[in-house]
Amino acid sequence: MAKNQNGYVEINKYIDTKPMFGNWEVDVIIVAISFLAIGVIVANDFLTISIFIALGLIAGTYYNKAKQSRVKGFFFHLLYMLGLRQPKTLPPSYMRYFLGA
């Protein structure tokens, strides 16, 4: 953890805040670094790798904007809708309205 000028350790404001790297959360960094890894594996010259780095930064920026504009759990809901992930339990069929966060 980084110390500020007073010598105090800076901690997150909320306990459930995700780990950050710069201004991005770790899941956004994973999106950007995956493009870098693909560029290093596939490409063999500097221009192609730099194009993949630029694509990774652009994809990370757009993913961050999409994540900030949606409600929590939106991307997991998309996985459920596409059938790529199954919910652990299903609510009873008589429950039609759900309240909560």
PDB file of N, CA and C in Angstrom:
ATOM      1  N   MET A   1       0.839  -1.170   0.000  1.00  0.00           N
ATOM      2  CA  MET A   1       0.000   0.000   0.000  1.00  0.00           C
ATOM      3  C   MET A   1       0.888   1.238   0.000  1.00  0.00           C
ATOM      4  N   ALA A   2       0.393   2.235  -0.683  1.00  0.00           N
ATOM      5  CA  ALA A   2       1.166   3.466  -0.806  1.00  0.00           C
ATOM      6  C   ALA A   2       0.901   4.389   0.378  1.00  0.00           C
ATOM      7  N   LYS A   3       1.953   5.056   0.819  1.00  0.00           N
ATOM      8  CA  LYS A   3       1.811   6.037   1.898  1.00  0.00           C
ATOM      9  C   LYS A   3       1.749   7.425   1.283  1.00  0.00           C
ATOM     10  N   ASN A   4       0.927   8.286   1.869  1.00  0.00           N
ATOM     11  CA  ASN A   4       0.878   9.662   1.387  1.00  0.00           C
ATOM     12  C   ASN A   4       1.954  10.486   2.082  1.00  0.00           C
ATOM     13  N   GLN A   5       1.940  11.797   1.913  1.00  0.00           N
ATOM     14  CA  GLN A   5       3.002  12.648   2.448  1.00  0.00           C
ATOM     15  C   GLN A   5       3.022  12.669   3.978  1.00  0.00           C
ATOM     16  N   ASN A   6       1.883  12.452   4.606  1.00  0.00           N
ATOM     17  CA  ASN A   6       1.826  12.465   6.067  1.00  0.00           C
ATOM     18  C   ASN A   6       2.313  11.159   6.682  1.00  0.00           C
ATOM     19  N   GLY A   7       2.540  10.143   5.862  1.00  0.00           N
ATOM     20  CA  GLY A   7       2.970   8.858   6.369  1.00  0.00           C
ATOM     21  C   GLY A   7       1.836   7.890   6.612  1.00  0.00           C
ATOM     22  N   TYR A   8       0.603   8.307   6.347  1.00  0.00           N
ATOM     23  CA  TYR A   8      -0.545   7.429   6.533  1.00  0.00           C
ATOM     24  C   TYR A   8      -0.743   6.548   5.302  1.00  0.00           C
ATOM     25  N   VAL A   9      -1.210   5.352   5.525  1.00  0.00           N
ATOM     26  CA  VAL A   9      -1.499   4.440   4.430  1.00  0.00           C
ATOM     27  C   VAL A   9      -2.891   4.762   3.896  1.00  0.00           C
ATOM     28  N   GLU A  10      -2.976   4.949   2.565  1.00  0.00           N
ATOM     29  CA  GLU A  10      -4.257   5.246   1.951  1.00  0.00           C
ATOM     30  C   GLU A  10      -5.023   3.939   1.746  1.00  0.00           C
ATOM     31  N   ILE A  11      -6.263   3.915   2.172  1.00  0.00           N
ATOM     32  CA  ILE A  11      -7.111   2.743   1.981  1.00  0.00           C
ATOM     33  C   ILE A  11      -8.329   3.149   1.174  1.00  0.00           C
ATOM     34  N   ASN A  12      -9.025   2.171   0.646  1.00  0.00           N
ATOM     35  CA  ASN A  12     -10.218   2.439  -0.132  1.00  0.00           C
ATOM     36  C   ASN A  12     -11.316   3.000   0.756  1.00  0.00           C
ATOM     37  N   LYS A  13     -12.183   3.799   0.158  1.00  0.00           N
ATOM     38  CA  LYS A  13     -13.265   4.409   0.910  1.00  0.00           C
ATOM     39  C   LYS A  13     -14.291   3.359   1.335  1.00  0.00           C
ATOM     40  N   TYR A  14     -14.553   2.399   0.481  1.00  0.00           N
ATOM     41  CA  TYR A  14     -15.520   1.352   0.785  1.00  0.00           C
ATOM     42  C   TYR A  14     -14.812   0.010   0.833  1.00  0.00           C
ATOM     43  N   ILE A  15     -15.318  -0.885   1.641  1.00  0.00           N
ATOM     44  CA  ILE A  15     -14.654  -2.171   1.832  1.00  0.00           C
ATOM     45  C   ILE A  15     -14.790  -3.082   0.613  1.00  0.00           C
ATOM     46  N   ASP A  16     -15.851  -2.893  -0.189  1.00  0.00           N
ATOM     47  CA  ASP A  16     -16.058  -3.765  -1.336  1.00  0.00           C
ATOM     48  C   ASP A  16     -15.519  -3.174  -2.638  1.00  0.00           C
ATOM     49  N   THR A  17     -14.664  -2.168  -2.554  1.00  0.00           N
ATOM     50  CA  THR A  17     -14.051  -1.584  -3.746  1.00  0.00           C
ATOM     51  C   THR A  17     -13.061  -2.580  -4.334  1.00  0.00           C
ATOM     52  N   LYS A  18     -13.123  -2.747  -5.652  1.00  0.00           N
ATOM     53  CA  LYS A  18     -12.223  -3.683  -6.319  1.00  0.00           C
ATOM     54  C   LYS A  18     -10.812  -3.115  -6.360  1.00  0.00           C
ATOM     55  N   PRO A  19      -9.796  -3.989  -6.448  1.00  0.00           N
ATOM     56  CA  PRO A  19      -8.420  -3.504  -6.567  1.00  0.00           C
ATOM     57  C   PRO A  19      -8.255  -2.666  -7.835  1.00  0.00           C
ATOM     58  N   MET A  20      -7.473  -1.609  -7.723  1.00  0.00           N
ATOM     59  CA  MET A  20      -7.303  -0.676  -8.835  1.00  0.00           C
ATOM     60  C   MET A  20      -5.853  -0.695  -9.307  1.00  0.00           C
ATOM     61  N   PHE A  21      -5.676  -0.404 -10.574  1.00  0.00           N
ATOM     62  CA  PHE A  21      -4.361  -0.200 -11.166  1.00  0.00           C
ATOM     63  C   PHE A  21      -4.441   1.107 -11.936  1.00  0.00           C
ATOM     64  N   GLY A  22      -3.872   2.155 -11.380  1.00  0.00           N
ATOM     65  CA  GLY A  22      -4.065   3.480 -11.963  1.00  0.00           C
ATOM     66  C   GLY A  22      -5.499   3.912 -11.735  1.00  0.00           C
ATOM     67  N   ASN A  23      -6.183   4.264 -12.783  1.00  0.00           N
ATOM     68  CA  ASN A  23      -7.588   4.648 -12.681  1.00  0.00           C
ATOM     69  C   ASN A  23      -8.536   3.528 -13.078  1.00  0.00           C
ATOM     70  N   TRP A  24      -8.008   2.382 -13.458  1.00  0.00           N
ATOM     71  CA  TRP A  24      -8.838   1.274 -13.918  1.00  0.00           C
ATOM     72  C   TRP A  24      -8.899   0.180 -12.867  1.00  0.00           C
ATOM     73  N   GLU A  25     -10.061  -0.490 -12.815  1.00  0.00           N
ATOM     74  CA  GLU A  25     -10.182  -1.659 -11.955  1.00  0.00           C
ATOM     75  C   GLU A  25      -9.492  -2.840 -12.631  1.00  0.00           C
ATOM     76  N   VAL A  26      -9.264  -3.883 -11.870  1.00  0.00           N
ATOM     77  CA  VAL A  26      -8.472  -5.011 -12.362  1.00  0.00           C
ATOM     78  C   VAL A  26      -9.136  -5.702 -13.550  1.00  0.00           C
ATOM     79  N   ASP A  27     -10.464  -5.808 -13.575  1.00  0.00           N
ATOM     80  CA  ASP A  27     -11.113  -6.475 -14.701  1.00  0.00           C
ATOM     81  C   ASP A  27     -10.946  -5.700 -16.001  1.00  0.00           C
ATOM     82  N   VAL A  28     -10.853  -4.379 -15.930  1.00  0.00           N
ATOM     83  CA  VAL A  28     -10.611  -3.576 -17.128  1.00  0.00           C
ATOM     84  C   VAL A  28      -9.175  -3.758 -17.597  1.00  0.00           C
ATOM     85  N   ILE A  29      -8.252  -3.849 -16.658  1.00  0.00           N
ATOM     86  CA  ILE A  29      -6.844  -4.092 -17.006  1.00  0.00           C
ATOM     87  C   ILE A  29      -6.695  -5.451 -17.682  1.00  0.00           C
ATOM     88  N   ILE A  30      -7.453  -6.441 -17.229  1.00  0.00           N
ATOM     89  CA  ILE A  30      -7.380  -7.772 -17.846  1.00  0.00           C
ATOM     90  C   ILE A  30      -7.799  -7.710 -19.307  1.00  0.00           C
ATOM     91  N   VAL A  31      -8.828  -6.918 -19.615  1.00  0.00           N
ATOM     92  CA  VAL A  31      -9.255  -6.758 -21.006  1.00  0.00           C
ATOM     93  C   VAL A  31      -8.130  -6.145 -21.831  1.00  0.00           C
ATOM     94  N   ALA A  32      -7.499  -5.096 -21.318  1.00  0.00           N
ATOM     95  CA  ALA A  32      -6.429  -4.428 -22.060  1.00  0.00           C
ATOM     96  C   ALA A  32      -5.200  -5.323 -22.209  1.00  0.00           C
ATOM     97  N   ILE A  33      -4.843  -6.044 -21.157  1.00  0.00           N
ATOM     98  CA  ILE A  33      -3.643  -6.889 -21.216  1.00  0.00           C
ATOM     99  C   ILE A  33      -3.865  -8.118 -22.098  1.00  0.00           C
ATOM    100  N   SER A  34      -5.103  -8.578 -22.213  1.00  0.00           N
ATOM    101  CA  SER A  34      -5.366  -9.720 -23.096  1.00  0.00           C
ATOM    102  C   SER A  34      -5.056  -9.354 -24.550  1.00  0.00           C
ATOM    103  N   PHE A  35      -5.357  -8.112 -24.949  1.00  0.00           N
ATOM    104  CA  PHE A  35      -4.978  -7.683 -26.297  1.00  0.00           C
ATOM    105  C   PHE A  35      -3.462  -7.624 -26.442  1.00  0.00           C
ATOM    106  N   LEU A  36      -2.771  -7.169 -25.409  1.00  0.00           N
ATOM    107  CA  LEU A  36      -1.313  -7.145 -25.446  1.00  0.00           C
ATOM    108  C   LEU A  36      -0.759  -8.561 -25.596  1.00  0.00           C
ATOM    109  N   ALA A  37      -1.313  -9.511 -24.857  1.00  0.00           N
ATOM    110  CA  ALA A  37      -0.831 -10.894 -24.931  1.00  0.00           C
ATOM    111  C   ALA A  37      -1.082 -11.489 -26.319  1.00  0.00           C
ATOM    112  N   ILE A  38      -2.255 -11.220 -26.879  1.00  0.00           N
ATOM    113  CA  ILE A  38      -2.540 -11.711 -28.232  1.00  0.00           C
ATOM    114  C   ILE A  38      -1.570 -11.087 -29.230  1.00  0.00           C
ATOM    115  N   GLY A  39      -1.282  -9.793 -29.054  1.00  0.00           N
ATOM    116  CA  GLY A  39      -0.339  -9.136 -29.952  1.00  0.00           C
ATOM    117  C   GLY A  39       1.057  -9.713 -29.870  1.00  0.00           C
ATOM    118  N   VAL A  40       1.506 -10.040 -28.671  1.00  0.00           N
ATOM    119  CA  VAL A  40       2.840 -10.613 -28.514  1.00  0.00           C
ATOM    120  C   VAL A  40       2.902 -12.026 -29.082  1.00  0.00           C
ATOM    121  N   ILE A  41       1.828 -12.793 -28.910  1.00  0.00           N
ATOM    122  CA  ILE A  41       1.824 -14.165 -29.408  1.00  0.00           C
ATOM    123  C   ILE A  41       1.723 -14.207 -30.928  1.00  0.00           C
ATOM    124  N   VAL A  42       0.835 -13.385 -31.493  1.00  0.00           N
ATOM    125  CA  VAL A  42       0.560 -13.446 -32.929  1.00  0.00           C
ATOM    126  C   VAL A  42       1.580 -12.669 -33.742  1.00  0.00           C
ATOM    127  N   ALA A  43       1.942 -11.489 -33.304  1.00  0.00           N
ATOM    128  CA  ALA A  43       2.758 -10.585 -34.117  1.00  0.00           C
ATOM    129  C   ALA A  43       4.240 -10.844 -33.930  1.00  0.00           C
ATOM    130  N   ASN A  44       4.995 -10.375 -34.901  1.00  0.00           N
ATOM    131  CA  ASN A  44       6.437 -10.502 -34.791  1.00  0.00           C
ATOM    132  C   ASN A  44       7.159  -9.193 -35.109  1.00  0.00           C
ATOM    133  N   ASP A  45       6.441  -8.109 -35.287  1.00  0.00           N
ATOM    134  CA  ASP A  45       7.088  -6.827 -35.501  1.00  0.00           C
ATOM    135  C   ASP A  45       6.471  -5.760 -34.586  1.00  0.00           C
ATOM    136  N   PHE A  46       7.172  -4.653 -34.437  1.00  0.00           N
ATOM    137  CA  PHE A  46       6.774  -3.615 -33.486  1.00  0.00           C
ATOM    138  C   PHE A  46       5.458  -2.948 -33.871  1.00  0.00           C
ATOM    139  N   LEU A  47       5.231  -2.734 -35.159  1.00  0.00           N
ATOM    140  CA  LEU A  47       4.018  -2.048 -35.604  1.00  0.00           C
ATOM    141  C   LEU A  47       2.763  -2.835 -35.248  1.00  0.00           C
ATOM    142  N   THR A  48       2.778  -4.119 -35.470  1.00  0.00           N
ATOM    143  CA  THR A  48       1.607  -4.947 -35.167  1.00  0.00           C
ATOM    144  C   THR A  48       1.356  -5.024 -33.667  1.00  0.00           C
ATOM    145  N   ILE A  49       2.417  -5.158 -32.887  1.00  0.00           N
ATOM    146  CA  ILE A  49       2.258  -5.186 -31.427  1.00  0.00           C
ATOM    147  C   ILE A  49       1.711  -3.857 -30.929  1.00  0.00           C
ATOM    148  N   SER A  50       2.193  -2.747 -31.484  1.00  0.00           N
ATOM    149  CA  SER A  50       1.677  -1.440 -31.056  1.00  0.00           C
ATOM    150  C   SER A  50       0.223  -1.251 -31.457  1.00  0.00           C
ATOM    151  N   ILE A  51      -0.196  -1.818 -32.577  1.00  0.00           N
ATOM    152  CA  ILE A  51      -1.613  -1.769 -32.968  1.00  0.00           C
ATOM    153  C   ILE A  51      -2.455  -2.546 -31.964  1.00  0.00           C
ATOM    154  N   PHE A  52      -1.993  -3.718 -31.547  1.00  0.00           N
ATOM    155  CA  PHE A  52      -2.723  -4.498 -30.544  1.00  0.00           C
ATOM    156  C   PHE A  52      -2.762  -3.777 -29.194  1.00  0.00           C
ATOM    157  N   ILE A  53      -1.688  -3.081 -28.836  1.00  0.00           N
ATOM    158  CA  ILE A  53      -1.692  -2.305 -27.595  1.00  0.00           C
ATOM    159  C   ILE A  53      -2.728  -1.195 -27.677  1.00  0.00           C
ATOM    160  N   ALA A  54      -2.787  -0.505 -28.820  1.00  0.00           N
ATOM    161  CA  ALA A  54      -3.782   0.555 -29.001  1.00  0.00           C
ATOM    162  C   ALA A  54      -5.196  -0.013 -28.963  1.00  0.00           C
ATOM    163  N   LEU A  55      -5.411  -1.161 -29.611  1.00  0.00           N
ATOM    164  CA  LEU A  55      -6.726  -1.801 -29.560  1.00  0.00           C
ATOM    165  C   LEU A  55      -7.096  -2.205 -28.139  1.00  0.00           C
ATOM    166  N   GLY A  56      -6.115  -2.659 -27.366  1.00  0.00           N
ATOM    167  CA  GLY A  56      -6.368  -3.023 -25.975  1.00  0.00           C
ATOM    168  C   GLY A  56      -6.765  -1.830 -25.133  1.00  0.00           C
ATOM    169  N   LEU A  57      -6.094  -0.699 -25.336  1.00  0.00           N
ATOM    170  CA  LEU A  57      -6.449   0.509 -24.594  1.00  0.00           C
ATOM    171  C   LEU A  57      -7.848   1.003 -24.982  1.00  0.00           C
ATOM    172  N   ILE A  58      -8.164   0.933 -26.262  1.00  0.00           N
ATOM    173  CA  ILE A  58      -9.499   1.347 -26.714  1.00  0.00           C
ATOM    174  C   ILE A  58     -10.564   0.409 -26.167  1.00  0.00           C
ATOM    175  N   ALA A  59     -10.303  -0.901 -26.232  1.00  0.00           N
ATOM    176  CA  ALA A  59     -11.274  -1.871 -25.700  1.00  0.00           C
ATOM    177  C   ALA A  59     -11.450  -1.706 -24.193  1.00  0.00           C
ATOM    178  N   GLY A  60     -10.361  -1.451 -23.485  1.00  0.00           N
ATOM    179  CA  GLY A  60     -10.454  -1.222 -22.049  1.00  0.00           C
ATOM    180  C   GLY A  60     -11.254   0.023 -21.719  1.00  0.00           C
ATOM    181  N   THR A  61     -11.056   1.080 -22.495  1.00  0.00           N
ATOM    182  CA  THR A  61     -11.806   2.315 -22.272  1.00  0.00           C
ATOM    183  C   THR A  61     -13.292   2.107 -22.507  1.00  0.00           C
ATOM    184  N   TYR A  62     -13.640   1.438 -23.612  1.00  0.00           N
ATOM    185  CA  TYR A  62     -15.058   1.205 -23.902  1.00  0.00           C
ATOM    186  C   TYR A  62     -15.696   0.238 -22.906  1.00  0.00           C
ATOM    187  N   TYR A  63     -14.930  -0.762 -22.463  1.00  0.00           N
ATOM    188  CA  TYR A  63     -15.457  -1.682 -21.454  1.00  0.00           C
ATOM    189  C   TYR A  63     -15.711  -0.947 -20.144  1.00  0.00           C
ATOM    190  N   ASN A  64     -14.806  -0.054 -19.768  1.00  0.00           N
ATOM    191  CA  ASN A  64     -14.981   0.722 -18.543  1.00  0.00           C
ATOM    192  C   ASN A  64     -16.205   1.630 -18.650  1.00  0.00           C
ATOM    193  N   LYS A  65     -16.394   2.282 -19.794  1.00  0.00           N
ATOM    194  CA  LYS A  65     -17.571   3.137 -19.984  1.00  0.00           C
ATOM    195  C   LYS A  65     -18.857   2.320 -19.931  1.00  0.00           C
ATOM    196  N   ALA A  66     -18.857   1.150 -20.564  1.00  0.00           N
ATOM    197  CA  ALA A  66     -20.051   0.302 -20.547  1.00  0.00           C
ATOM    198  C   ALA A  66     -20.334  -0.202 -19.140  1.00  0.00           C
ATOM    199  N   LYS A  67     -19.287  -0.540 -18.405  1.00  0.00           N
ATOM    200  CA  LYS A  67     -19.467  -1.042 -17.052  1.00  0.00           C
ATOM    201  C   LYS A  67     -19.991   0.044 -16.118  1.00  0.00           C
ATOM    202  N   GLN A  68     -19.525   1.271 -16.293  1.00  0.00           N
ATOM    203  CA  GLN A  68     -19.968   2.358 -15.441  1.00  0.00           C
ATOM    204  C   GLN A  68     -21.394   2.802 -15.757  1.00  0.00           C
ATOM    205  N   SER A  69     -21.850   2.584 -16.984  1.00  0.00           N
ATOM    206  CA  SER A  69     -23.185   3.045 -17.363  1.00  0.00           C
ATOM    207  C   SER A  69     -24.274   2.013 -17.065  1.00  0.00           C
ATOM    208  N   ARG A  70     -23.918   0.825 -16.698  1.00  0.00           N
ATOM    209  CA  ARG A  70     -24.889  -0.241 -16.431  1.00  0.00           C
ATOM    210  C   ARG A  70     -25.005  -0.503 -14.939  1.00  0.00           C
ATOM    211  N   VAL A  71     -26.065  -1.219 -14.569  1.00  0.00           N
ATOM    212  CA  VAL A  71     -26.256  -1.587 -13.176  1.00  0.00           C
ATOM    213  C   VAL A  71     -25.331  -2.749 -12.829  1.00  0.00           C
ATOM    214  N   LYS A  72     -25.118  -2.949 -11.522  1.00  0.00           N
ATOM    215  CA  LYS A  72     -24.245  -4.020 -11.058  1.00  0.00           C
ATOM    216  C   LYS A  72     -24.843  -5.369 -11.459  1.00  0.00           C
ATOM    217  N   GLY A  73     -24.037  -6.248 -12.010  1.00  0.00           N
ATOM    218  CA  GLY A  73     -24.494  -7.570 -12.421  1.00  0.00           C
ATOM    219  C   GLY A  73     -25.001  -7.637 -13.842  1.00  0.00           C
ATOM    220  N   PHE A  74     -24.876  -6.557 -14.618  1.00  0.00           N
ATOM    221  CA  PHE A  74     -25.395  -6.527 -15.984  1.00  0.00           C
ATOM    222  C   PHE A  74     -24.702  -7.556 -16.872  1.00  0.00           C
ATOM    223  N   PHE A  75     -23.384  -7.656 -16.784  1.00  0.00           N
ATOM    224  CA  PHE A  75     -22.654  -8.560 -17.667  1.00  0.00           C
ATOM    225  C   PHE A  75     -22.904 -10.026 -17.302  1.00  0.00           C
ATOM    226  N   PHE A  76     -23.108 -10.328 -16.007  1.00  0.00           N
ATOM    227  CA  PHE A  76     -23.496 -11.686 -15.643  1.00  0.00           C
ATOM    228  C   PHE A  76     -24.885 -12.004 -16.179  1.00  0.00           C
ATOM    229  N   HIS A  77     -25.767 -11.022 -16.190  1.00  0.00           N
ATOM    230  CA  HIS A  77     -27.097 -11.220 -16.746  1.00  0.00           C
ATOM    231  C   HIS A  77     -27.013 -11.530 -18.243  1.00  0.00           C
ATOM    232  N   LEU A  78     -26.109 -10.867 -18.947  1.00  0.00           N
ATOM    233  CA  LEU A  78     -25.919 -11.185 -20.360  1.00  0.00           C
ATOM    234  C   LEU A  78     -25.446 -12.625 -20.546  1.00  0.00           C
ATOM    235  N   LEU A  79     -24.555 -13.079 -19.663  1.00  0.00           N
ATOM    236  CA  LEU A  79     -24.096 -14.469 -19.758  1.00  0.00           C
ATOM    237  C   LEU A  79     -25.240 -15.446 -19.531  1.00  0.00           C
ATOM    238  N   TYR A  80     -26.146 -15.121 -18.596  1.00  0.00           N
ATOM    239  CA  TYR A  80     -27.311 -15.962 -18.371  1.00  0.00           C
ATOM    240  C   TYR A  80     -28.226 -15.961 -19.595  1.00  0.00           C
ATOM    241  N   MET A  81     -28.433 -14.792 -20.188  1.00  0.00           N
ATOM    242  CA  MET A  81     -29.324 -14.685 -21.346  1.00  0.00           C
ATOM    243  C   MET A  81     -28.780 -15.452 -22.544  1.00  0.00           C
ATOM    244  N   LEU A  82     -27.463 -15.426 -22.732  1.00  0.00           N
ATOM    245  CA  LEU A  82     -26.855 -16.117 -23.862  1.00  0.00           C
ATOM    246  C   LEU A  82     -26.700 -17.618 -23.617  1.00  0.00           C
ATOM    247  N   GLY A  83     -26.930 -18.058 -22.397  1.00  0.00           N
ATOM    248  CA  GLY A  83     -26.819 -19.479 -22.078  1.00  0.00           C
ATOM    249  C   GLY A  83     -25.406 -19.930 -21.799  1.00  0.00           C
ATOM    250  N   LEU A  84     -24.482 -19.004 -21.597  1.00  0.00           N
ATOM    251  CA  LEU A  84     -23.094 -19.365 -21.323  1.00  0.00           C
ATOM    252  C   LEU A  84     -22.858 -19.684 -19.857  1.00  0.00           C
ATOM    253  N   ARG A  85     -23.783 -19.261 -19.009  1.00  0.00           N
ATOM    254  CA  ARG A  85     -23.667 -19.513 -17.582  1.00  0.00           C
ATOM    255  C   ARG A  85     -25.048 -19.831 -17.034  1.00  0.00           C
ATOM    256  N   GLN A  86     -25.117 -20.800 -16.150  1.00  0.00           N
ATOM    257  CA  GLN A  86     -26.385 -21.179 -15.546  1.00  0.00           C
ATOM    258  C   GLN A  86     -26.457 -20.662 -14.119  1.00  0.00           C
ATOM    259  N   PRO A  87     -27.626 -20.148 -13.697  1.00  0.00           N
ATOM    260  CA  PRO A  87     -27.746 -19.697 -12.309  1.00  0.00           C
ATOM    261  C   PRO A  87     -27.691 -20.874 -11.347  1.00  0.00           C
ATOM    262  N   LYS A  88     -27.194 -20.612 -10.127  1.00  0.00           N
ATOM    263  CA  LYS A  88     -27.099 -21.686  -9.130  1.00  0.00           C
ATOM    264  C   LYS A  88     -28.479 -22.169  -8.703  1.00  0.00           C
ATOM    265  N   THR A  89     -29.373 -21.229  -8.444  1.00  0.00           N
ATOM    266  CA  THR A  89     -30.739 -21.577  -8.086  1.00  0.00           C
ATOM    267  C   THR A  89     -31.701 -20.670  -8.844  1.00  0.00           C
ATOM    268  N   LEU A  90     -32.868 -21.158  -9.092  1.00  0.00           N
ATOM    269  CA  LEU A  90     -33.904 -20.364  -9.736  1.00  0.00           C
ATOM    270  C   LEU A  90     -34.971 -20.014  -8.705  1.00  0.00           C
ATOM    271  N   PRO A  91     -35.555 -18.821  -8.792  1.00  0.00           N
ATOM    272  CA  PRO A  91     -36.619 -18.465  -7.851  1.00  0.00           C
ATOM    273  C   PRO A  91     -37.874 -19.285  -8.135  1.00  0.00           C
ATOM    274  N   PRO A  92     -38.746 -19.435  -7.142  1.00  0.00           N
ATOM    275  CA  PRO A  92     -39.996 -20.153  -7.377  1.00  0.00           C
ATOM    276  C   PRO A  92     -40.822 -19.486  -8.478  1.00  0.00           C
ATOM    277  N   SER A  93     -41.589 -20.266  -9.202  1.00  0.00           N
ATOM    278  CA  SER A  93     -42.300 -19.740 -10.352  1.00  0.00           C
ATOM    279  C   SER A  93     -43.403 -18.760  -9.978  1.00  0.00           C
ATOM    280  N   TYR A  94     -43.923 -18.807  -8.733  1.00  0.00           N
ATOM    281  CA  TYR A  94     -44.977 -17.891  -8.351  1.00  0.00           C
ATOM    282  C   TYR A  94     -44.461 -16.491  -8.034  1.00  0.00           C
ATOM    283  N   MET A  95     -43.156 -16.319  -7.874  1.00  0.00           N
ATOM    284  CA  MET A  95     -42.598 -14.999  -7.586  1.00  0.00           C
ATOM    285  C   MET A  95     -42.442 -14.213  -8.890  1.00  0.00           C
ATOM    286  N   ARG A  96     -43.186 -13.133  -9.009  1.00  0.00           N
ATOM    287  CA  ARG A  96     -43.169 -12.355 -10.251  1.00  0.00           C
ATOM    288  C   ARG A  96     -42.428 -11.042 -10.109  1.00  0.00           C
ATOM    289  N   TYR A  97     -42.372 -10.481  -8.902  1.00  0.00           N
ATOM    290  CA  TYR A  97     -41.737  -9.178  -8.703  1.00  0.00           C
ATOM    291  C   TYR A  97     -40.649  -9.340  -7.651  1.00  0.00           C
ATOM    292  N   PHE A  98     -39.516  -8.702  -7.920  1.00  0.00           N
ATOM    293  CA  PHE A  98     -38.382  -8.788  -7.016  1.00  0.00           C
ATOM    294  C   PHE A  98     -37.994  -7.378  -6.581  1.00  0.00           C
ATOM    295  N   LEU A  99     -37.728  -7.227  -5.326  1.00  0.00           N
ATOM    296  CA  LEU A  99     -37.295  -5.954  -4.781  1.00  0.00           C
ATOM    297  C   LEU A  99     -35.882  -6.102  -4.257  1.00  0.00           C
ATOM    298  N   GLY A 100     -35.139  -5.031  -4.257  1.00  0.00           N
ATOM    299  CA  GLY A 100     -33.793  -5.082  -3.704  1.00  0.00           C
ATOM    300  C   GLY A 100     -32.799  -4.431  -4.620  1.00  0.00           C
ATOM    301  N   ALA A 101     -31.533  -4.620  -4.271  1.00  0.00           N
ATOM    302  CA  ALA A 101     -30.457  -3.942  -5.007  1.00  0.00           C
ATOM    303  C   ALA A 101     -30.083  -4.664  -6.256  1.00  0.00           C
TER     304      ALA A 101
END
